[in-house]
All heavy atoms as atom14 arrays in JSON, in Angstrom:
{
  "sequence": "HLLALVDDLVDLQAIERPDFRVDADPIDLADVARRAAGLLAVRASSR",
  "atom14_mask": [
    [1, 1, 1, 1, 1, 1, 1, 1, 1, 1, 0, 0, 0, 0],
    [1, 1, 1, 1, 1, 1, 1, 1, 0, 0, 0, 0, 0, 0],
    [1, 1, 1, 1, 1, 1, 1, 1, 0, 0, 0, 0, 0, 0],
    [1, 1, 1, 1, 1, 0, 0, 0, 0, 0, 0, 0, 0, 0],
    [1, 1, 1, 1, 1, 1, 1, 1, 0, 0, 0, 0, 0, 0],
    [1, 1, 1, 1, 1, 1, 1, 0, 0, 0, 0, 0, 0, 0],
    [1, 1, 1, 1, 1, 1, 1, 1, 0, 0, 0, 0, 0, 0],
    [1, 1, 1, 1, 1, 1, 1, 1, 0, 0, 0, 0, 0, 0],
    [1, 1, 1, 1, 1, 1, 1, 1, 0, 0, 0, 0, 0, 0],
    [1, 1, 1, 1, 1, 1, 1, 0, 0, 0, 0, 0, 0, 0],
    [1, 1, 1, 1, 1, 1, 1, 1, 0, 0, 0, 0, 0, 0],
    [1, 1, 1, 1, 1, 1, 1, 1, 0, 0, 0, 0, 0, 0],
    [1, 1, 1, 1, 1, 1, 1, 1, 1, 0, 0, 0, 0, 0],
    [1, 1, 1, 1, 1, 0, 0, 0, 0, 0, 0, 0, 0, 0],
    [1, 1, 1, 1, 1, 1, 1, 1, 0, 0, 0, 0, 0, 0],
    [1, 1, 1, 1, 1, 1, 1, 1, 1, 0, 0, 0, 0, 0],
    [1, 1, 1, 1, 1, 1, 1, 1, 1, 1, 1, 0, 0, 0],
    [1, 1, 1, 1, 1, 1, 1, 0, 0, 0, 0, 0, 0, 0],
    [1, 1, 1, 1, 1, 1, 1, 1, 0, 0, 0, 0, 0, 0],
    [1, 1, 1, 1, 1, 1, 1, 1, 1, 1, 1, 0, 0, 0],
    [1, 1, 1, 1, 1, 1, 1, 1, 1, 1, 1, 0, 0, 0],
    [1, 1, 1, 1, 1, 1, 1, 0, 0, 0, 0, 0, 0, 0],
    [1, 1, 1, 1, 1, 1, 1, 1, 0, 0, 0, 0, 0, 0],
    [1, 1, 1, 1, 1, 0, 0, 0, 0, 0, 0, 0, 0, 0],
    [1, 1, 1, 1, 1, 1, 1, 1, 0, 0, 0, 0, 0, 0],
    [1, 1, 1, 1, 1, 1, 1, 0, 0, 0, 0, 0, 0, 0],
    [1, 1, 1, 1, 1, 1, 1, 1, 0, 0, 0, 0, 0, 0],
    [1, 1, 1, 1, 1, 1, 1, 1, 0, 0, 0, 0, 0, 0],
    [1, 1, 1, 1, 1, 1, 1, 1, 0, 0, 0, 0, 0, 0],
    [1, 1, 1, 1, 1, 0, 0, 0, 0, 0, 0, 0, 0, 0],
    [1, 1, 1, 1, 1, 1, 1, 1, 0, 0, 0, 0, 0, 0],
    [1, 1, 1, 1, 1, 1, 1, 0, 0, 0, 0, 0, 0, 0],
    [1, 1, 1, 1, 1, 0, 0, 0, 0, 0, 0, 0, 0, 0],
    [1, 1, 1, 1, 1, 1, 1, 1, 1, 1, 1, 0, 0, 0],
    [1, 1, 1, 1, 1, 1, 1, 1, 1, 1, 1, 0, 0, 0],
    [1, 1, 1, 1, 1, 0, 0, 0, 0, 0, 0, 0, 0, 0],
    [1, 1, 1, 1, 1, 0, 0, 0, 0, 0, 0, 0, 0, 0],
    [1, 1, 1, 1, 0, 0, 0, 0, 0, 0, 0, 0, 0, 0],
    [1, 1, 1, 1, 1, 1, 1, 1, 0, 0, 0, 0, 0, 0],
    [1, 1, 1, 1, 1, 1, 1, 1, 0, 0, 0, 0, 0, 0],
    [1, 1, 1, 1, 1, 0, 0, 0, 0, 0, 0, 0, 0, 0],
    [1, 1, 1, 1, 1, 1, 1, 0, 0, 0, 0, 0, 0, 0],
    [1, 1, 1, 1, 1, 1, 1, 1, 1, 1, 1, 0, 0, 0],
    [1, 1, 1, 1, 1, 0, 0, 0, 0, 0, 0, 0, 0, 0],
    [1, 1, 1, 1, 1, 1, 0, 0, 0, 0, 0, 0, 0, 0],
    [1, 1, 1, 1, 1, 1, 0, 0, 0, 0, 0, 0, 0, 0],
    [1, 1, 1, 1, 1, 1, 1, 1, 1, 1, 1, 0, 0, 0]
  ],
  "atom14_positions": [
    [[6.13, -5.72, -5.3], [4.93, -4.91, -5.08], [4.11, -5.48, -3.92], [3.65, -4.75, -3.03], [4.08, -4.87, -6.35], [2.81, -4.08, -6.22], [2.78, -2.71, -6.23], [1.53, -4.49, -6.02], [1.54, -2.29, -6.06], [0.75, -3.35, -5.94], [0.0, 0.0, 0.0], [0.0, 0.0, 0.0], [0.0, 0.0, 0.0], [0.0, 0.0, 0.0]],
    [[3.93, -6.81, -3.9], [3.17, -7.44, -2.83], [3.9, -7.31, -1.49], [3.27, -7.1, -0.44], [2.93, -8.91, -3.15], [1.96, -9.2, -4.3], [1.93, -10.69, -4.61], [0.56, -8.71, -3.95], [0.0, 0.0, 0.0], [0.0, 0.0, 0.0], [0.0, 0.0, 0.0], [0.0, 0.0, 0.0], [0.0, 0.0, 0.0], [0.0, 0.0, 0.0]],
    [[5.24, -7.42, -1.51], [6.01, -7.3, -0.27], [5.87, -5.89, 0.29], [5.73, -5.7, 1.51], [7.47, -7.62, -0.54], [8.37, -7.87, 0.67], [7.87, -9.05, 1.49], [9.81, -8.11, 0.23], [0.0, 0.0, 0.0], [0.0, 0.0, 0.0], [0.0, 0.0, 0.0], [0.0, 0.0, 0.0], [0.0, 0.0, 0.0], [0.0, 0.0, 0.0]],
    [[5.89, -4.89, -0.58], [5.71, -3.51, -0.12], [4.31, -3.32, 0.45], [4.12, -2.59, 1.44], [5.94, -2.54, -1.28], [0.0, 0.0, 0.0], [0.0, 0.0, 0.0], [0.0, 0.0, 0.0], [0.0, 0.0, 0.0], [0.0, 0.0, 0.0], [0.0, 0.0, 0.0], [0.0, 0.0, 0.0], [0.0, 0.0, 0.0], [0.0, 0.0, 0.0]],
    [[3.32, -3.98, -0.15], [1.95, -3.88, 0.35], [1.85, -4.51, 1.75], [1.17, -3.97, 2.64], [0.98, -4.56, -0.61], [-0.5, -4.57, -0.21], [-1.01, -3.14, -0.03], [-1.33, -5.31, -1.25], [0.0, 0.0, 0.0], [0.0, 0.0, 0.0], [0.0, 0.0, 0.0], [0.0, 0.0, 0.0], [0.0, 0.0, 0.0], [0.0, 0.0, 0.0]],
    [[2.52, -5.65, 1.95], [2.53, -6.28, 3.27], [3.15, -5.33, 4.29], [2.61, -5.14, 5.4], [3.31, -7.61, 3.23], [3.54, -8.14, 4.64], [2.58, -8.65, 2.39], [0.0, 0.0, 0.0], [0.0, 0.0, 0.0], [0.0, 0.0, 0.0], [0.0, 0.0, 0.0], [0.0, 0.0, 0.0], [0.0, 0.0, 0.0], [0.0, 0.0, 0.0]],
    [[4.27, -4.7, 3.94], [4.92, -3.74, 4.84], [3.94, -2.62, 5.22], [3.84, -2.23, 6.39], [6.16, -3.14, 4.18], [7.29, -4.14, 4.06], [7.31, -5.11, 4.83], [8.16, -3.94, 3.19], [0.0, 0.0, 0.0], [0.0, 0.0, 0.0], [0.0, 0.0, 0.0], [0.0, 0.0, 0.0], [0.0, 0.0, 0.0], [0.0, 0.0, 0.0]],
    [[3.23, -2.08, 4.2], [2.32, -0.98, 4.46], [1.16, -1.41, 5.36], [0.75, -0.68, 6.27], [1.77, -0.43, 3.14], [2.8, 0.37, 2.37], [3.82, 0.74, 2.97], [2.6, 0.6, 1.16], [0.0, 0.0, 0.0], [0.0, 0.0, 0.0], [0.0, 0.0, 0.0], [0.0, 0.0, 0.0], [0.0, 0.0, 0.0], [0.0, 0.0, 0.0]],
    [[0.61, -2.59, 5.11], [-0.52, -3.05, 5.91], [-0.12, -3.3, 7.36], [-0.87, -3.0, 8.29], [-1.12, -4.32, 5.29], [-1.85, -4.12, 3.96], [-2.28, -5.47, 3.39], [-3.06, -3.21, 4.12], [0.0, 0.0, 0.0], [0.0, 0.0, 0.0], [0.0, 0.0, 0.0], [0.0, 0.0, 0.0], [0.0, 0.0, 0.0], [0.0, 0.0, 0.0]],
    [[1.07, -3.87, 7.56], [1.55, -4.11, 8.92], [1.8, -2.77, 9.63], [1.45, -2.6, 10.81], [2.82, -4.97, 8.91], [3.44, -5.05, 10.3], [2.5, -6.37, 8.41], [0.0, 0.0, 0.0], [0.0, 0.0, 0.0], [0.0, 0.0, 0.0], [0.0, 0.0, 0.0], [0.0, 0.0, 0.0], [0.0, 0.0, 0.0], [0.0, 0.0, 0.0]],
    [[2.4, -1.81, 8.92], [2.61, -0.48, 9.51], [1.28, 0.18, 9.83], [1.13, 0.86, 10.86], [3.41, 0.41, 8.56], [4.91, 0.15, 8.66], [5.34, -0.38, 9.68], [5.62, 0.48, 7.7], [0.0, 0.0, 0.0], [0.0, 0.0, 0.0], [0.0, 0.0, 0.0], [0.0, 0.0, 0.0], [0.0, 0.0, 0.0], [0.0, 0.0, 0.0]],
    [[0.3, 0.01, 8.93], [-1.02, 0.59, 9.15], [-1.63, 0.05, 10.44], [-2.23, 0.8, 11.22], [-1.91, 0.28, 7.95], [-3.3, 0.92, 7.95], [-3.2, 2.44, 7.89], [-4.13, 0.4, 6.78], [0.0, 0.0, 0.0], [0.0, 0.0, 0.0], [0.0, 0.0, 0.0], [0.0, 0.0, 0.0], [0.0, 0.0, 0.0], [0.0, 0.0, 0.0]],
    [[-1.5, -1.27, 10.67], [-1.99, -1.86, 11.9], [-1.36, -1.2, 13.12], [-2.01, -0.93, 14.11], [-1.67, -3.36, 11.92], [-2.47, -4.2, 10.93], [-3.87, -4.51, 11.45], [-4.05, -4.68, 12.63], [-4.83, -4.57, 10.55], [0.0, 0.0, 0.0], [0.0, 0.0, 0.0], [0.0, 0.0, 0.0], [0.0, 0.0, 0.0], [0.0, 0.0, 0.0]],
    [[-0.05, -0.93, 13.01], [0.67, -0.39, 14.16], [0.3, 1.05, 14.45], [-0.01, 1.41, 15.6], [2.18, -0.51, 13.92], [0.0, 0.0, 0.0], [0.0, 0.0, 0.0], [0.0, 0.0, 0.0], [0.0, 0.0, 0.0], [0.0, 0.0, 0.0], [0.0, 0.0, 0.0], [0.0, 0.0, 0.0], [0.0, 0.0, 0.0], [0.0, 0.0, 0.0]],
    [[0.32, 1.91, 13.44], [0.15, 3.35, 13.69], [-1.27, 3.71, 14.09], [-1.5, 4.77, 14.69], [0.57, 4.19, 12.47], [-0.35, 3.94, 11.28], [2.02, 3.94, 12.11], [-0.08, 4.85, 10.11], [0.0, 0.0, 0.0], [0.0, 0.0, 0.0], [0.0, 0.0, 0.0], [0.0, 0.0, 0.0], [0.0, 0.0, 0.0], [0.0, 0.0, 0.0]],
    [[-2.25, 2.86, 13.79], [-3.63, 3.18, 14.15], [-4.04, 2.62, 15.5], [-5.19, 2.76, 15.91], [-4.58, 2.69, 13.04], [-4.38, 3.46, 11.74], [-5.46, 3.21, 10.71], [-6.07, 2.12, 10.77], [-5.69, 4.09, 9.87], [0.0, 0.0, 0.0], [0.0, 0.0, 0.0], [0.0, 0.0, 0.0], [0.0, 0.0, 0.0], [0.0, 0.0, 0.0]],
    [[-3.09, 2.0, 16.2], [-3.37, 1.58, 17.58], [-3.39, 2.79, 18.51], [-2.57, 3.7, 18.36], [-2.31, 0.59, 18.04], [-2.42, -0.79, 17.45], [-1.3, -1.68, 17.93], [-1.18, -1.68, 19.38], [-0.28, -2.4, 20.05], [0.6, -3.13, 19.38], [-0.22, -2.36, 21.36], [0.0, 0.0, 0.0], [0.0, 0.0, 0.0], [0.0, 0.0, 0.0]],
    [[-4.31, 2.83, 19.47], [-4.37, 3.99, 20.38], [-3.1, 4.17, 21.2], [-2.76, 5.28, 21.59], [-5.56, 3.67, 21.29], [-6.29, 2.55, 20.67], [-5.38, 1.85, 19.72], [0.0, 0.0, 0.0], [0.0, 0.0, 0.0], [0.0, 0.0, 0.0], [0.0, 0.0, 0.0], [0.0, 0.0, 0.0], [0.0, 0.0, 0.0], [0.0, 0.0, 0.0]],
    [[-2.4, 3.05, 21.47], [-1.2, 3.14, 22.32], [0.08, 3.24, 21.5], [1.17, 3.05, 22.03], [-1.12, 1.92, 23.24], [-1.05, 0.6, 22.47], [-1.34, 0.61, 21.25], [-0.71, -0.44, 23.08], [0.0, 0.0, 0.0], [0.0, 0.0, 0.0], [0.0, 0.0, 0.0], [0.0, 0.0, 0.0], [0.0, 0.0, 0.0], [0.0, 0.0, 0.0]],
    [[-0.02, 3.56, 20.21], [1.17, 3.64, 19.37], [2.06, 4.79, 19.82], [1.6, 5.92, 20.01], [0.78, 3.84, 17.9], [1.96, 4.0, 16.97], [2.78, 2.92, 16.69], [2.24, 5.22, 16.38], [3.87, 3.05, 15.85], [3.32, 5.36, 15.54], [4.13, 4.28, 15.27], [0.0, 0.0, 0.0], [0.0, 0.0, 0.0], [0.0, 0.0, 0.0]],
    [[3.33, 4.49, 20.02], [4.31, 5.5, 20.43], [5.57, 5.36, 19.58], [5.91, 4.27, 19.14], [4.67, 5.34, 21.91], [3.51, 5.55, 22.88], [3.08, 7.0, 22.95], [2.02, 7.18, 23.93], [0.72, 7.04, 23.66], [0.33, 6.69, 22.45], [-0.18, 7.24, 24.61], [0.0, 0.0, 0.0], [0.0, 0.0, 0.0], [0.0, 0.0, 0.0]],
    [[6.25, 6.47, 19.39], [7.5, 6.49, 18.63], [8.58, 7.11, 19.5], [8.32, 8.1, 20.2], [7.35, 7.28, 17.31], [8.65, 7.26, 16.52], [6.23, 6.71, 16.46], [0.0, 0.0, 0.0], [0.0, 0.0, 0.0], [0.0, 0.0, 0.0], [0.0, 0.0, 0.0], [0.0, 0.0, 0.0], [0.0, 0.0, 0.0], [0.0, 0.0, 0.0]],
    [[9.77, 6.55, 19.47], [10.88, 7.09, 20.26], [11.26, 8.49, 19.79], [11.05, 8.86, 18.63], [12.11, 6.18, 20.15], [11.89, 4.83, 20.81], [11.02, 4.76, 21.7], [12.58, 3.86, 20.44], [0.0, 0.0, 0.0], [0.0, 0.0, 0.0], [0.0, 0.0, 0.0], [0.0, 0.0, 0.0], [0.0, 0.0, 0.0], [0.0, 0.0, 0.0]],
    [[11.8, 9.26, 20.69], [12.3, 10.61, 20.36], [13.74, 10.7, 20.84], [14.02, 11.27, 21.9], [11.43, 11.69, 21.0], [0.0, 0.0, 0.0], [0.0, 0.0, 0.0], [0.0, 0.0, 0.0], [0.0, 0.0, 0.0], [0.0, 0.0, 0.0], [0.0, 0.0, 0.0], [0.0, 0.0, 0.0], [0.0, 0.0, 0.0], [0.0, 0.0, 0.0]],
    [[14.64, 10.12, 20.07], [16.06, 10.1, 20.41], [16.81, 11.16, 19.61], [16.36, 11.58, 18.53], [16.66, 8.72, 20.11], [15.98, 7.62, 20.89], [15.68, 7.85, 22.08], [15.75, 6.53, 20.32], [0.0, 0.0, 0.0], [0.0, 0.0, 0.0], [0.0, 0.0, 0.0], [0.0, 0.0, 0.0], [0.0, 0.0, 0.0], [0.0, 0.0, 0.0]],
    [[17.97, 11.6, 20.09], [18.79, 12.51, 19.28], [19.28, 11.81, 18.0], [19.82, 10.71, 18.07], [19.97, 12.85, 20.2], [19.5, 12.5, 21.58], [18.56, 11.35, 21.42], [0.0, 0.0, 0.0], [0.0, 0.0, 0.0], [0.0, 0.0, 0.0], [0.0, 0.0, 0.0], [0.0, 0.0, 0.0], [0.0, 0.0, 0.0], [0.0, 0.0, 0.0]],
    [[19.06, 12.42, 16.85], [19.52, 11.87, 15.58], [20.12, 13.0, 14.74], [19.91, 14.18, 15.02], [18.39, 11.19, 14.79], [17.27, 12.21, 14.45], [17.8, 10.01, 15.54], [16.23, 11.67, 13.49], [0.0, 0.0, 0.0], [0.0, 0.0, 0.0], [0.0, 0.0, 0.0], [0.0, 0.0, 0.0], [0.0, 0.0, 0.0], [0.0, 0.0, 0.0]],
    [[20.86, 12.62, 13.71], [21.39, 13.57, 12.74], [20.52, 13.43, 11.48], [20.65, 12.46, 10.73], [22.86, 13.27, 12.43], [23.47, 14.24, 11.44], [22.72, 15.02, 10.82], [24.7, 14.22, 11.26], [0.0, 0.0, 0.0], [0.0, 0.0, 0.0], [0.0, 0.0, 0.0], [0.0, 0.0, 0.0], [0.0, 0.0, 0.0], [0.0, 0.0, 0.0]],
    [[19.61, 14.37, 11.28], [18.65, 14.26, 10.18], [19.35, 14.32, 8.82], [18.91, 13.66, 7.87], [17.61, 15.38, 10.31], [16.35, 15.24, 9.45], [15.68, 13.9, 9.64], [15.39, 16.38, 9.76], [0.0, 0.0, 0.0], [0.0, 0.0, 0.0], [0.0, 0.0, 0.0], [0.0, 0.0, 0.0], [0.0, 0.0, 0.0], [0.0, 0.0, 0.0]],
    [[20.43, 15.09, 8.72], [21.17, 15.14, 7.45], [21.8, 13.79, 7.15], [21.79, 13.32, 5.99], [22.24, 16.22, 7.51], [0.0, 0.0, 0.0], [0.0, 0.0, 0.0], [0.0, 0.0, 0.0], [0.0, 0.0, 0.0], [0.0, 0.0, 0.0], [0.0, 0.0, 0.0], [0.0, 0.0, 0.0], [0.0, 0.0, 0.0], [0.0, 0.0, 0.0]],
    [[22.33, 13.11, 8.17], [22.92, 11.79, 7.98], [21.87, 10.77, 7.57], [22.11, 9.96, 6.67], [23.61, 11.34, 9.27], [24.17, 9.93, 9.16], [25.1, 9.72, 8.36], [23.68, 9.03, 9.87], [0.0, 0.0, 0.0], [0.0, 0.0, 0.0], [0.0, 0.0, 0.0], [0.0, 0.0, 0.0], [0.0, 0.0, 0.0], [0.0, 0.0, 0.0]],
    [[20.68, 10.82, 8.18], [19.62, 9.89, 7.81], [19.19, 10.14, 6.36], [18.92, 9.19, 5.61], [18.41, 10.02, 8.76], [17.35, 8.99, 8.4], [18.84, 9.83, 10.2], [0.0, 0.0, 0.0], [0.0, 0.0, 0.0], [0.0, 0.0, 0.0], [0.0, 0.0, 0.0], [0.0, 0.0, 0.0], [0.0, 0.0, 0.0], [0.0, 0.0, 0.0]],
    [[19.16, 11.4, 5.95], [18.81, 11.72, 4.56], [19.83, 11.15, 3.59], [19.48, 10.62, 2.53], [18.69, 13.24, 4.39], [0.0, 0.0, 0.0], [0.0, 0.0, 0.0], [0.0, 0.0, 0.0], [0.0, 0.0, 0.0], [0.0, 0.0, 0.0], [0.0, 0.0, 0.0], [0.0, 0.0, 0.0], [0.0, 0.0, 0.0], [0.0, 0.0, 0.0]],
    [[21.12, 11.23, 3.95], [22.16, 10.65, 3.09], [21.99, 9.13, 3.01], [22.15, 8.53, 1.94], [23.55, 11.0, 3.63], [23.97, 12.43, 3.41], [25.43, 12.65, 3.73], [25.71, 12.53, 5.15], [25.67, 13.55, 6.01], [25.37, 14.76, 5.6], [25.95, 13.35, 7.29], [0.0, 0.0, 0.0], [0.0, 0.0, 0.0], [0.0, 0.0, 0.0]],
    [[21.68, 8.49, 4.14], [21.49, 7.04, 4.13], [20.3, 6.65, 3.26], [20.37, 5.68, 2.5], [21.28, 6.54, 5.56], [22.51, 6.62, 6.45], [22.16, 6.31, 7.89], [23.27, 6.47, 8.79], [24.04, 5.48, 9.24], [23.79, 4.24, 8.85], [25.04, 5.71, 10.07], [0.0, 0.0, 0.0], [0.0, 0.0, 0.0], [0.0, 0.0, 0.0]],
    [[19.21, 7.39, 3.37], [18.03, 7.1, 2.55], [18.35, 7.24, 1.07], [17.94, 6.41, 0.24], [16.87, 8.02, 2.94], [0.0, 0.0, 0.0], [0.0, 0.0, 0.0], [0.0, 0.0, 0.0], [0.0, 0.0, 0.0], [0.0, 0.0, 0.0], [0.0, 0.0, 0.0], [0.0, 0.0, 0.0], [0.0, 0.0, 0.0], [0.0, 0.0, 0.0]],
    [[19.09, 8.3, 0.72], [19.49, 8.49, -0.68], [20.37, 7.34, -1.16], [20.24, 6.88, -2.29], [20.22, 9.83, -0.84], [0.0, 0.0, 0.0], [0.0, 0.0, 0.0], [0.0, 0.0, 0.0], [0.0, 0.0, 0.0], [0.0, 0.0, 0.0], [0.0, 0.0, 0.0], [0.0, 0.0, 0.0], [0.0, 0.0, 0.0], [0.0, 0.0, 0.0]],
    [[21.26, 6.86, -0.27], [22.12, 5.74, -0.64], [21.33, 4.47, -0.92], [21.64, 3.72, -1.85], [0.0, 0.0, 0.0], [0.0, 0.0, 0.0], [0.0, 0.0, 0.0], [0.0, 0.0, 0.0], [0.0, 0.0, 0.0], [0.0, 0.0, 0.0], [0.0, 0.0, 0.0], [0.0, 0.0, 0.0], [0.0, 0.0, 0.0], [0.0, 0.0, 0.0]],
    [[20.28, 4.23, -0.12], [19.45, 3.04, -0.33], [18.72, 3.08, -1.67], [18.37, 2.04, -2.22], [18.44, 2.9, 0.81], [19.0, 2.55, 2.19], [17.92, 2.64, 3.24], [19.63, 1.16, 2.17], [0.0, 0.0, 0.0], [0.0, 0.0, 0.0], [0.0, 0.0, 0.0], [0.0, 0.0, 0.0], [0.0, 0.0, 0.0], [0.0, 0.0, 0.0]],
    [[18.48, 4.29, -2.17], [17.73, 4.44, -3.42], [18.62, 4.72, -4.62], [18.12, 4.98, -5.71], [16.71, 5.57, -3.27], [15.58, 5.27, -2.27], [14.89, 6.56, -1.85], [14.58, 4.31, -2.87], [0.0, 0.0, 0.0], [0.0, 0.0, 0.0], [0.0, 0.0, 0.0], [0.0, 0.0, 0.0], [0.0, 0.0, 0.0], [0.0, 0.0, 0.0]],
    [[19.93, 4.67, -4.43], [20.86, 5.03, -5.5], [20.72, 4.1, -6.71], [20.74, 4.55, -7.86], [22.3, 5.0, -4.99], [0.0, 0.0, 0.0], [0.0, 0.0, 0.0], [0.0, 0.0, 0.0], [0.0, 0.0, 0.0], [0.0, 0.0, 0.0], [0.0, 0.0, 0.0], [0.0, 0.0, 0.0], [0.0, 0.0, 0.0], [0.0, 0.0, 0.0]],
    [[20.57, 2.79, -6.46], [20.46, 1.85, -7.58], [19.18, 2.09, -8.36], [19.16, 2.11, -9.6], [20.53, 0.4, -7.06], [20.26, -0.58, -8.19], [21.89, 0.12, -6.44], [0.0, 0.0, 0.0], [0.0, 0.0, 0.0], [0.0, 0.0, 0.0], [0.0, 0.0, 0.0], [0.0, 0.0, 0.0], [0.0, 0.0, 0.0], [0.0, 0.0, 0.0]],
    [[18.07, 2.29, -7.63], [16.8, 2.55, -8.31], [16.87, 3.81, -9.14], [16.4, 3.86, -10.28], [15.66, 2.67, -7.29], [14.29, 2.84, -7.92], [13.22, 3.22, -6.91], [13.11, 2.26, -5.82], [12.25, 2.4, -4.82], [11.46, 3.48, -4.77], [12.2, 1.49, -3.87], [0.0, 0.0, 0.0], [0.0, 0.0, 0.0], [0.0, 0.0, 0.0]],
    [[17.48, 4.87, -8.56], [17.6, 6.12, -9.3], [18.46, 5.95, -10.55], [18.12, 6.45, -11.63], [18.18, 7.2, -8.4], [0.0, 0.0, 0.0], [0.0, 0.0, 0.0], [0.0, 0.0, 0.0], [0.0, 0.0, 0.0], [0.0, 0.0, 0.0], [0.0, 0.0, 0.0], [0.0, 0.0, 0.0], [0.0, 0.0, 0.0], [0.0, 0.0, 0.0]],
    [[19.57, 5.22, -10.41], [20.46, 5.01, -11.54], [19.76, 4.26, -12.67], [19.94, 4.56, -13.85], [21.71, 4.25, -11.09], [22.56, 3.97, -12.17], [0.0, 0.0, 0.0], [0.0, 0.0, 0.0], [0.0, 0.0, 0.0], [0.0, 0.0, 0.0], [0.0, 0.0, 0.0], [0.0, 0.0, 0.0], [0.0, 0.0, 0.0], [0.0, 0.0, 0.0]],
    [[18.93, 3.27, -12.3], [18.22, 2.49, -13.32], [17.22, 3.34, -14.09], [16.85, 3.02, -15.22], [17.51, 1.3, -12.67], [16.43, 1.73, -11.86], [0.0, 0.0, 0.0], [0.0, 0.0, 0.0], [0.0, 0.0, 0.0], [0.0, 0.0, 0.0], [0.0, 0.0, 0.0], [0.0, 0.0, 0.0], [0.0, 0.0, 0.0], [0.0, 0.0, 0.0]],
    [[16.78, 4.43, -13.48], [15.83, 5.35, -14.14], [16.55, 6.59, -14.68], [15.89, 7.54, -15.13], [14.75, 5.78, -13.16], [13.89, 4.62, -12.65], [12.85, 5.12, -11.65], [11.93, 6.06, -12.27], [10.83, 5.72, -12.91], [10.49, 4.45, -13.01], [10.04, 6.63, -13.44], [0.0, 0.0, 0.0], [0.0, 0.0, 0.0], [0.0, 0.0, 0.0]]
  ]
}
């Protein structure tokens, strides 16, 4: 829980900077969705 909070606070610092930019590269959104689901498979199974 604390590690997730650290991640959120660091991200918060980044996204609220005036010069914050994000790349816009070609991606496969369906593939990224499958990867995200795979990362959460163990958590879902436990529930």
